[in-house]
Structures are given as C-alpha cells and as structure tokens.
Amino acid sequence: MAWEATTNHTVIPDRDAMNQPTTYEIVIRGQASERILARLRDDFSIETIAGRHTRLVGKIRDPAHLHGVINQLTSLAIDIVSLTPADRNLP
C-alpha cells in the first residue's frame, strides 16, 4: 500500500516571521572573553554590563542565522539570559 499525504489542511502564515534582517539584543551571563566571542565580533557590538553580563547587539539575517548564533553560544555552555528583537514594535 502506498502512503499518500493529505493536502486539505489550512496553512496560516506567520505575520511575525522574520522576512528581513532584524536587530537582536542577546544578553549572556558573565563577562565573556574576547577569544570566546571572536566569531561573533563581525556581526555584533559587544559590551560588558556591570561585570555581570555581556550584551551583544547586531543584525540577524534570517531564522537560520539566529539558530546558528544560539547554537554557537550554547555549544560553549554560555548561559543566555535574554534574547530580544530590538527593532520590532512588540505588543
């Protein structure tokens, strides 16, 4: 018996989907070293906040880019405190 996919479902587009570069603010716990953040330096401005957190601000091109940045940080066991689209008008 051949398997056949059904196509009678309704697709609702996500109006908030990232369809253009978006500026994101990423706050990570602790003061990250230059060596750890070297790969992100081209895409993000990086500043230390009171020696307790590091703030990265930069343009994310698309969802794949965002996932890549998150993967890179978490693969280094960096704790992400917040991840916020900085240039969207959020409710």
N, C-alpha and C. Protein backbone atom coordinates (compact mmCIF):
# COMPACT_ATOMS: atom_id res chain seq x y z
N MET A 1 0.84 -1.16 0.00
CA MET A 1 0.00 0.00 0.00
C MET A 1 0.90 1.24 0.00
N ALA A 2 0.64 2.15 -0.90
CA ALA A 2 1.42 3.38 -0.99
C ALA A 2 0.88 4.41 0.00
N TRP A 3 1.78 5.15 0.57
CA TRP A 3 1.39 6.21 1.52
C TRP A 3 1.12 7.48 0.74
N GLU A 4 0.06 8.16 1.08
CA GLU A 4 -0.30 9.38 0.38
C GLU A 4 -0.52 10.50 1.39
N ALA A 5 0.12 11.62 1.16
CA ALA A 5 -0.04 12.77 2.06
C ALA A 5 -1.33 13.51 1.73
N THR A 6 -1.99 13.95 2.77
CA THR A 6 -3.20 14.75 2.53
C THR A 6 -2.81 16.22 2.44
N THR A 7 -3.53 16.96 1.63
CA THR A 7 -3.21 18.37 1.43
C THR A 7 -4.40 19.27 1.72
N ASN A 8 -5.34 18.78 2.51
CA ASN A 8 -6.54 19.55 2.76
C ASN A 8 -6.50 20.31 4.09
N HIS A 9 -5.30 20.60 4.58
CA HIS A 9 -5.19 21.37 5.81
C HIS A 9 -4.97 22.86 5.48
N THR A 10 -5.35 23.69 6.41
CA THR A 10 -5.22 25.12 6.22
C THR A 10 -3.87 25.59 6.73
N VAL A 11 -3.16 26.35 5.93
CA VAL A 11 -1.88 26.91 6.32
C VAL A 11 -2.11 28.37 6.68
N ILE A 12 -1.74 28.73 7.89
CA ILE A 12 -1.89 30.10 8.36
C ILE A 12 -0.50 30.72 8.40
N PRO A 13 -0.26 31.75 7.59
CA PRO A 13 1.07 32.35 7.57
C PRO A 13 1.36 33.09 8.88
N ASP A 14 2.59 33.06 9.29
CA ASP A 14 3.03 33.76 10.49
C ASP A 14 3.40 35.18 10.09
N ARG A 15 2.56 36.14 10.47
CA ARG A 15 2.81 37.53 10.10
C ARG A 15 4.04 38.10 10.78
N ASP A 16 4.48 37.45 11.87
CA ASP A 16 5.64 37.93 12.58
C ASP A 16 6.92 37.21 12.15
N ALA A 17 6.84 36.39 11.11
CA ALA A 17 8.01 35.66 10.65
C ALA A 17 9.10 36.64 10.22
N MET A 18 10.34 36.24 10.43
CA MET A 18 11.46 37.10 10.09
C MET A 18 11.67 37.04 8.58
N ASN A 19 11.28 38.09 7.88
CA ASN A 19 11.45 38.12 6.42
C ASN A 19 12.43 39.20 5.99
N GLN A 20 13.06 39.85 6.95
CA GLN A 20 14.11 40.82 6.67
C GLN A 20 15.05 40.85 7.87
N PRO A 21 16.27 41.35 7.69
CA PRO A 21 17.20 41.40 8.83
C PRO A 21 16.59 42.15 10.01
N THR A 22 16.82 41.62 11.20
CA THR A 22 16.26 42.18 12.42
C THR A 22 17.38 42.37 13.43
N THR A 23 17.40 43.51 14.10
CA THR A 23 18.38 43.74 15.15
C THR A 23 17.95 43.00 16.41
N TYR A 24 18.86 42.23 16.97
CA TYR A 24 18.60 41.48 18.20
C TYR A 24 19.55 41.93 19.29
N GLU A 25 19.05 41.89 20.52
CA GLU A 25 19.88 42.09 21.70
C GLU A 25 19.94 40.75 22.42
N ILE A 26 21.15 40.26 22.62
CA ILE A 26 21.35 39.00 23.33
C ILE A 26 22.17 39.32 24.58
N VAL A 27 21.65 38.95 25.73
CA VAL A 27 22.37 39.16 26.98
C VAL A 27 22.79 37.80 27.51
N ILE A 28 24.08 37.66 27.79
CA ILE A 28 24.59 36.39 28.32
C ILE A 28 25.16 36.63 29.72
N ARG A 29 25.13 35.57 30.52
CA ARG A 29 25.61 35.67 31.89
C ARG A 29 27.13 35.72 31.92
N GLY A 30 27.65 36.63 32.72
CA GLY A 30 29.09 36.72 32.92
C GLY A 30 29.77 37.62 31.91
N GLN A 31 31.05 37.77 32.11
CA GLN A 31 31.86 38.59 31.22
C GLN A 31 32.61 37.65 30.29
N ALA A 32 32.16 37.59 29.04
CA ALA A 32 32.75 36.67 28.06
C ALA A 32 34.08 37.22 27.56
N SER A 33 35.02 36.34 27.34
CA SER A 33 36.34 36.76 26.87
C SER A 33 36.32 37.06 25.37
N GLU A 34 37.31 37.81 24.93
CA GLU A 34 37.46 38.15 23.51
C GLU A 34 37.57 36.87 22.67
N ARG A 35 38.29 35.89 23.18
CA ARG A 35 38.51 34.64 22.44
C ARG A 35 37.21 33.89 22.23
N ILE A 36 36.37 33.83 23.25
CA ILE A 36 35.10 33.10 23.15
C ILE A 36 34.16 33.76 22.15
N LEU A 37 34.14 35.08 22.13
CA LEU A 37 33.21 35.80 21.25
C LEU A 37 33.82 36.21 19.91
N ALA A 38 35.01 35.74 19.60
CA ALA A 38 35.70 36.15 18.38
C ALA A 38 34.87 35.93 17.12
N ARG A 39 34.16 34.83 17.02
CA ARG A 39 33.35 34.54 15.83
C ARG A 39 32.15 35.46 15.70
N LEU A 40 31.71 36.05 16.80
CA LEU A 40 30.53 36.91 16.76
C LEU A 40 30.89 38.39 16.59
N ARG A 41 32.16 38.73 16.71
CA ARG A 41 32.60 40.11 16.69
C ARG A 41 32.23 40.83 15.38
N ASP A 42 32.22 40.13 14.27
CA ASP A 42 31.89 40.77 12.98
C ASP A 42 30.42 41.14 12.88
N ASP A 43 29.55 40.39 13.52
CA ASP A 43 28.11 40.61 13.41
C ASP A 43 27.50 41.41 14.56
N PHE A 44 28.21 41.51 15.69
CA PHE A 44 27.63 42.11 16.89
C PHE A 44 28.54 43.14 17.51
N SER A 45 27.91 44.17 18.11
CA SER A 45 28.66 45.02 19.03
C SER A 45 28.56 44.33 20.39
N ILE A 46 29.63 44.38 21.15
CA ILE A 46 29.70 43.62 22.40
C ILE A 46 30.11 44.57 23.51
N GLU A 47 29.36 44.54 24.61
CA GLU A 47 29.71 45.36 25.77
C GLU A 47 29.43 44.58 27.05
N THR A 48 30.20 44.89 28.08
CA THR A 48 30.01 44.29 29.39
C THR A 48 29.11 45.19 30.22
N ILE A 49 28.16 44.59 30.91
CA ILE A 49 27.22 45.33 31.76
C ILE A 49 27.57 45.04 33.21
N ALA A 50 28.16 46.02 33.88
CA ALA A 50 28.48 45.94 35.31
C ALA A 50 29.28 44.68 35.68
N GLY A 51 30.05 44.15 34.73
CA GLY A 51 30.86 42.98 35.01
C GLY A 51 30.08 41.69 35.24
N ARG A 52 28.77 41.78 35.17
CA ARG A 52 27.93 40.61 35.47
C ARG A 52 27.34 39.96 34.23
N HIS A 53 27.16 40.73 33.16
CA HIS A 53 26.56 40.23 31.94
C HIS A 53 27.31 40.81 30.74
N THR A 54 27.14 40.17 29.62
CA THR A 54 27.68 40.67 28.35
C THR A 54 26.50 40.86 27.41
N ARG A 55 26.46 42.01 26.76
CA ARG A 55 25.36 42.37 25.86
C ARG A 55 25.88 42.38 24.43
N LEU A 56 25.20 41.64 23.57
CA LEU A 56 25.54 41.60 22.15
C LEU A 56 24.36 42.20 21.38
N VAL A 57 24.64 43.12 20.48
CA VAL A 57 23.59 43.72 19.66
C VAL A 57 24.05 43.65 18.21
N GLY A 58 23.18 43.11 17.34
CA GLY A 58 23.55 43.01 15.94
C GLY A 58 22.40 42.55 15.08
N LYS A 59 22.61 42.65 13.77
CA LYS A 59 21.60 42.24 12.79
C LYS A 59 21.65 40.73 12.60
N ILE A 60 20.46 40.13 12.67
CA ILE A 60 20.28 38.71 12.36
C ILE A 60 19.58 38.66 11.02
N ARG A 61 20.18 37.96 10.06
CA ARG A 61 19.67 37.96 8.68
C ARG A 61 18.37 37.18 8.52
N ASP A 62 18.29 36.03 9.16
CA ASP A 62 17.14 35.15 8.97
C ASP A 62 17.10 34.13 10.11
N PRO A 63 16.06 33.30 10.18
CA PRO A 63 15.96 32.33 11.28
C PRO A 63 17.16 31.38 11.37
N ALA A 64 17.72 30.99 10.24
CA ALA A 64 18.87 30.09 10.27
C ALA A 64 20.07 30.76 10.94
N HIS A 65 20.26 32.03 10.66
CA HIS A 65 21.35 32.79 11.29
C HIS A 65 21.13 32.87 12.80
N LEU A 66 19.90 33.15 13.23
CA LEU A 66 19.58 33.22 14.65
C LEU A 66 19.86 31.88 15.33
N HIS A 67 19.42 30.80 14.73
CA HIS A 67 19.65 29.47 15.32
C HIS A 67 21.14 29.16 15.38
N GLY A 68 21.89 29.59 14.38
CA GLY A 68 23.34 29.38 14.37
C GLY A 68 24.03 30.11 15.51
N VAL A 69 23.62 31.35 15.76
CA VAL A 69 24.19 32.12 16.86
C VAL A 69 23.86 31.47 18.20
N ILE A 70 22.60 31.08 18.38
CA ILE A 70 22.19 30.42 19.62
C ILE A 70 22.96 29.12 19.81
N ASN A 71 23.09 28.35 18.75
CA ASN A 71 23.83 27.09 18.82
C ASN A 71 25.29 27.32 19.20
N GLN A 72 25.88 28.35 18.61
CA GLN A 72 27.28 28.65 18.91
C GLN A 72 27.45 29.00 20.39
N LEU A 73 26.56 29.82 20.93
CA LEU A 73 26.65 30.20 22.34
C LEU A 73 26.41 29.01 23.26
N THR A 74 25.37 28.24 23.00
CA THR A 74 25.06 27.12 23.88
C THR A 74 26.09 25.99 23.78
N SER A 75 26.72 25.84 22.62
CA SER A 75 27.75 24.81 22.49
C SER A 75 28.98 25.14 23.34
N LEU A 76 29.14 26.41 23.70
CA LEU A 76 30.23 26.84 24.57
C LEU A 76 29.77 26.91 26.04
N ALA A 77 28.58 26.38 26.32
CA ALA A 77 27.99 26.38 27.66
C ALA A 77 27.80 27.79 28.20
N ILE A 78 27.48 28.72 27.31
CA ILE A 78 27.19 30.10 27.69
C ILE A 78 25.71 30.19 28.01
N ASP A 79 25.40 30.78 29.15
CA ASP A 79 24.03 30.92 29.62
C ASP A 79 23.40 32.17 29.02
N ILE A 80 22.37 32.01 28.19
CA ILE A 80 21.67 33.14 27.58
C ILE A 80 20.62 33.63 28.57
N VAL A 81 20.75 34.89 28.98
CA VAL A 81 19.82 35.49 29.93
C VAL A 81 18.58 35.99 29.20
N SER A 82 18.79 36.67 28.07
CA SER A 82 17.65 37.15 27.28
C SER A 82 18.04 37.25 25.81
N LEU A 83 17.02 37.16 24.98
CA LEU A 83 17.17 37.25 23.53
C LEU A 83 15.95 38.03 23.03
N THR A 84 16.18 39.25 22.57
CA THR A 84 15.07 40.13 22.24
C THR A 84 15.25 40.79 20.90
N PRO A 85 14.24 40.74 20.03
CA PRO A 85 14.32 41.54 18.80
C PRO A 85 14.22 43.01 19.21
N ALA A 86 15.24 43.78 18.90
CA ALA A 86 15.34 45.15 19.40
C ALA A 86 14.60 46.17 18.53
N ASP A 87 14.35 45.84 17.27
CA ASP A 87 13.75 46.86 16.41
C ASP A 87 12.35 46.51 15.94
N ARG A 88 11.65 45.68 16.67
CA ARG A 88 10.25 45.38 16.36
C ARG A 88 9.35 46.06 17.36
N ASN A 89 8.20 46.45 16.93
CA ASN A 89 7.21 47.00 17.84
C ASN A 89 6.40 45.85 18.41
N LEU A 90 6.80 45.40 19.58
CA LEU A 90 6.15 44.26 20.20
C LEU A 90 4.98 44.75 21.06
N PRO A 91 3.92 43.96 21.15
CA PRO A 91 2.76 44.37 21.97
C PRO A 91 3.11 44.41 23.45
